[in-house]
Amino acid sequence: MMNKDEQVLYDFFCQVGIVNNSVDYPLILIDSWLNRDHESVVADYDKKDEVLEAYNHCIIASSLDKPLYEAIKTIKGW
């Protein structure tokens, strides 16, 4: 069972990752948002602020691995 922040990230990783057929793209998108690099990645996400808040909470709690791992399994069909 995932906590709220992990679930937000899992949903984001899966939604963006499946559409783009990429495990890396959701992380690249988060990085571009954090660095405010609007030139390299133009995609946006309707729950961007919620995703960034969850990402920061998971980084602080060292719990990013669970939603990322579960999303990878979903995206790759493991």
N, C-alpha and C. Protein backbone atom coordinates (compact mmCIF):
# COMPACT_ATOMS: atom_id res chain seq x y z
N MET A 1 0.85 -1.18 0.00
CA MET A 1 0.00 0.00 0.00
C MET A 1 0.90 1.25 0.00
N MET A 2 0.56 2.19 -0.85
CA MET A 2 1.34 3.42 -0.95
C MET A 2 0.65 4.53 -0.16
N ASN A 3 1.47 5.46 0.35
CA ASN A 3 0.90 6.63 0.98
C ASN A 3 0.44 7.61 -0.10
N LYS A 4 -0.16 8.72 0.31
CA LYS A 4 -0.74 9.67 -0.65
C LYS A 4 0.31 10.19 -1.64
N ASP A 5 1.47 10.60 -1.15
CA ASP A 5 2.51 11.14 -2.02
C ASP A 5 3.02 10.09 -3.01
N GLU A 6 3.22 8.89 -2.52
CA GLU A 6 3.68 7.80 -3.39
C GLU A 6 2.65 7.51 -4.48
N GLN A 7 1.36 7.55 -4.11
CA GLN A 7 0.30 7.28 -5.07
C GLN A 7 0.25 8.37 -6.14
N VAL A 8 0.41 9.63 -5.74
CA VAL A 8 0.44 10.74 -6.70
C VAL A 8 1.56 10.52 -7.71
N LEU A 9 2.73 10.17 -7.21
CA LEU A 9 3.87 9.94 -8.10
C LEU A 9 3.66 8.72 -8.98
N TYR A 10 3.15 7.66 -8.42
CA TYR A 10 2.88 6.45 -9.20
C TYR A 10 1.92 6.78 -10.36
N ASP A 11 0.84 7.47 -10.04
CA ASP A 11 -0.13 7.83 -11.07
C ASP A 11 0.51 8.69 -12.16
N PHE A 12 1.33 9.65 -11.74
CA PHE A 12 2.03 10.52 -12.69
C PHE A 12 3.01 9.72 -13.55
N PHE A 13 3.85 8.91 -12.90
CA PHE A 13 4.83 8.11 -13.64
C PHE A 13 4.12 7.23 -14.67
N CYS A 14 3.03 6.59 -14.26
CA CYS A 14 2.32 5.68 -15.18
C CYS A 14 1.65 6.46 -16.31
N GLN A 15 0.92 7.51 -15.97
CA GLN A 15 0.19 8.25 -17.00
C GLN A 15 1.15 8.83 -18.04
N VAL A 16 2.17 9.50 -17.59
CA VAL A 16 3.12 10.13 -18.52
C VAL A 16 4.03 9.09 -19.16
N GLY A 17 4.44 8.11 -18.39
CA GLY A 17 5.35 7.09 -18.92
C GLY A 17 4.72 6.21 -19.97
N ILE A 18 3.47 5.80 -19.75
CA ILE A 18 2.79 4.94 -20.72
C ILE A 18 2.54 5.69 -22.02
N VAL A 19 2.06 6.92 -21.92
CA VAL A 19 1.78 7.72 -23.12
C VAL A 19 3.05 7.92 -23.94
N ASN A 20 4.17 8.12 -23.28
CA ASN A 20 5.43 8.38 -23.97
C ASN A 20 6.28 7.11 -24.14
N ASN A 21 5.74 5.96 -23.68
CA ASN A 21 6.46 4.69 -23.75
C ASN A 21 7.88 4.83 -23.19
N SER A 22 7.96 5.46 -22.02
CA SER A 22 9.26 5.75 -21.43
C SER A 22 9.18 5.77 -19.91
N VAL A 23 10.14 5.12 -19.29
CA VAL A 23 10.27 5.20 -17.84
C VAL A 23 11.00 6.49 -17.46
N ASP A 24 11.89 6.94 -18.32
CA ASP A 24 12.70 8.12 -18.04
C ASP A 24 11.96 9.44 -18.19
N TYR A 25 11.02 9.50 -19.12
CA TYR A 25 10.40 10.78 -19.44
C TYR A 25 9.74 11.47 -18.23
N PRO A 26 8.99 10.75 -17.37
CA PRO A 26 8.40 11.43 -16.21
C PRO A 26 9.47 12.07 -15.31
N LEU A 27 10.62 11.41 -15.16
CA LEU A 27 11.69 11.97 -14.33
C LEU A 27 12.33 13.19 -15.01
N ILE A 28 12.46 13.12 -16.33
CA ILE A 28 13.00 14.26 -17.08
C ILE A 28 12.05 15.45 -16.96
N LEU A 29 10.77 15.18 -17.02
CA LEU A 29 9.76 16.23 -16.89
C LEU A 29 9.83 16.88 -15.51
N ILE A 30 9.91 16.09 -14.46
CA ILE A 30 10.03 16.64 -13.10
C ILE A 30 11.29 17.49 -12.99
N ASP A 31 12.40 16.98 -13.52
CA ASP A 31 13.65 17.73 -13.47
C ASP A 31 13.52 19.07 -14.19
N SER A 32 12.85 19.08 -15.33
CA SER A 32 12.70 20.34 -16.07
C SER A 32 11.83 21.32 -15.28
N TRP A 33 10.79 20.81 -14.59
CA TRP A 33 9.97 21.69 -13.76
C TRP A 33 10.77 22.26 -12.62
N LEU A 34 11.57 21.41 -11.97
CA LEU A 34 12.36 21.87 -10.83
C LEU A 34 13.40 22.90 -11.25
N ASN A 35 13.95 22.71 -12.43
CA ASN A 35 14.97 23.64 -12.94
C ASN A 35 14.37 24.77 -13.76
N ARG A 36 13.05 24.77 -13.87
CA ARG A 36 12.34 25.78 -14.65
C ARG A 36 12.90 25.89 -16.07
N ASP A 37 13.22 24.74 -16.61
CA ASP A 37 13.80 24.66 -17.95
C ASP A 37 12.68 24.44 -18.96
N HIS A 38 12.00 25.51 -19.29
CA HIS A 38 10.84 25.41 -20.17
C HIS A 38 11.22 25.22 -21.63
N GLU A 39 12.47 25.43 -21.96
CA GLU A 39 12.87 25.29 -23.35
C GLU A 39 13.10 23.83 -23.74
N SER A 40 13.60 23.01 -22.82
CA SER A 40 13.93 21.64 -23.18
C SER A 40 12.71 20.72 -23.17
N VAL A 41 11.77 20.98 -22.29
CA VAL A 41 10.57 20.14 -22.22
C VAL A 41 9.36 21.06 -22.17
N VAL A 42 8.51 20.94 -23.14
CA VAL A 42 7.36 21.84 -23.21
C VAL A 42 6.08 21.23 -22.64
N ALA A 43 6.12 19.94 -22.33
CA ALA A 43 4.93 19.27 -21.82
C ALA A 43 4.54 19.80 -20.45
N ASP A 44 3.26 19.79 -20.20
CA ASP A 44 2.77 20.20 -18.89
C ASP A 44 1.84 19.10 -18.38
N TYR A 45 1.46 19.21 -17.15
CA TYR A 45 0.63 18.20 -16.50
C TYR A 45 -0.33 18.93 -15.60
N ASP A 46 -1.60 18.57 -15.63
CA ASP A 46 -2.61 19.33 -14.89
C ASP A 46 -2.40 19.31 -13.38
N LYS A 47 -1.71 18.32 -12.85
CA LYS A 47 -1.46 18.24 -11.41
C LYS A 47 0.01 18.45 -11.10
N LYS A 48 0.65 19.32 -11.86
CA LYS A 48 2.09 19.56 -11.73
C LYS A 48 2.48 19.94 -10.29
N ASP A 49 1.78 20.88 -9.68
CA ASP A 49 2.12 21.31 -8.32
C ASP A 49 1.99 20.17 -7.32
N GLU A 50 0.95 19.37 -7.48
CA GLU A 50 0.75 18.22 -6.59
C GLU A 50 1.87 17.20 -6.77
N VAL A 51 2.28 16.98 -8.00
CA VAL A 51 3.38 16.05 -8.29
C VAL A 51 4.68 16.55 -7.67
N LEU A 52 4.97 17.83 -7.85
CA LEU A 52 6.22 18.38 -7.30
C LEU A 52 6.23 18.33 -5.77
N GLU A 53 5.10 18.60 -5.16
CA GLU A 53 5.02 18.52 -3.70
C GLU A 53 5.23 17.07 -3.23
N ALA A 54 4.59 16.13 -3.90
CA ALA A 54 4.76 14.72 -3.55
C ALA A 54 6.20 14.27 -3.78
N TYR A 55 6.79 14.72 -4.87
CA TYR A 55 8.19 14.38 -5.18
C TYR A 55 9.10 14.87 -4.06
N ASN A 56 8.92 16.12 -3.64
CA ASN A 56 9.75 16.66 -2.56
C ASN A 56 9.55 15.89 -1.26
N HIS A 57 8.32 15.55 -0.93
CA HIS A 57 8.06 14.77 0.28
C HIS A 57 8.71 13.39 0.20
N CYS A 58 8.64 12.76 -0.96
CA CYS A 58 9.23 11.43 -1.11
C CYS A 58 10.76 11.49 -1.09
N ILE A 59 11.34 12.53 -1.61
CA ILE A 59 12.79 12.69 -1.56
C ILE A 59 13.23 12.83 -0.10
N ILE A 60 12.54 13.67 0.65
CA ILE A 60 12.87 13.89 2.06
C ILE A 60 12.71 12.59 2.86
N ALA A 61 11.65 11.84 2.57
CA ALA A 61 11.36 10.61 3.30
C ALA A 61 12.09 9.39 2.72
N SER A 62 12.87 9.60 1.69
CA SER A 62 13.57 8.50 1.00
C SER A 62 12.60 7.40 0.58
N SER A 63 11.46 7.82 0.02
CA SER A 63 10.45 6.83 -0.38
C SER A 63 10.10 6.94 -1.86
N LEU A 64 10.99 7.48 -2.65
CA LEU A 64 10.74 7.60 -4.09
C LEU A 64 10.83 6.25 -4.81
N ASP A 65 11.59 5.32 -4.25
CA ASP A 65 11.81 4.05 -4.93
C ASP A 65 10.55 3.23 -5.12
N LYS A 66 9.64 3.25 -4.15
CA LYS A 66 8.44 2.41 -4.25
C LYS A 66 7.53 2.82 -5.41
N PRO A 67 7.11 4.10 -5.50
CA PRO A 67 6.24 4.44 -6.64
C PRO A 67 6.95 4.32 -7.98
N LEU A 68 8.25 4.59 -8.00
CA LEU A 68 9.00 4.48 -9.24
C LEU A 68 9.09 3.01 -9.67
N TYR A 69 9.41 2.13 -8.75
CA TYR A 69 9.50 0.70 -9.05
C TYR A 69 8.16 0.15 -9.53
N GLU A 70 7.10 0.48 -8.83
CA GLU A 70 5.78 -0.01 -9.21
C GLU A 70 5.37 0.53 -10.58
N ALA A 71 5.71 1.77 -10.86
CA ALA A 71 5.39 2.35 -12.17
C ALA A 71 6.21 1.68 -13.27
N ILE A 72 7.45 1.41 -13.01
CA ILE A 72 8.29 0.72 -14.00
C ILE A 72 7.67 -0.63 -14.33
N LYS A 73 7.22 -1.37 -13.31
CA LYS A 73 6.58 -2.66 -13.56
C LYS A 73 5.35 -2.49 -14.44
N THR A 74 4.57 -1.46 -14.18
CA THR A 74 3.36 -1.22 -14.97
C THR A 74 3.70 -0.81 -16.40
N ILE A 75 4.61 0.12 -16.54
CA ILE A 75 4.99 0.63 -17.87
C ILE A 75 5.63 -0.46 -18.72
N LYS A 76 6.49 -1.25 -18.11
CA LYS A 76 7.20 -2.30 -18.85
C LYS A 76 6.40 -3.59 -18.96
N GLY A 77 5.31 -3.70 -18.21
CA GLY A 77 4.47 -4.89 -18.28
C GLY A 77 5.08 -6.09 -17.57
N TRP A 78 5.83 -5.85 -16.51
CA TRP A 78 6.46 -6.95 -15.75
C TRP A 78 5.44 -7.68 -14.92
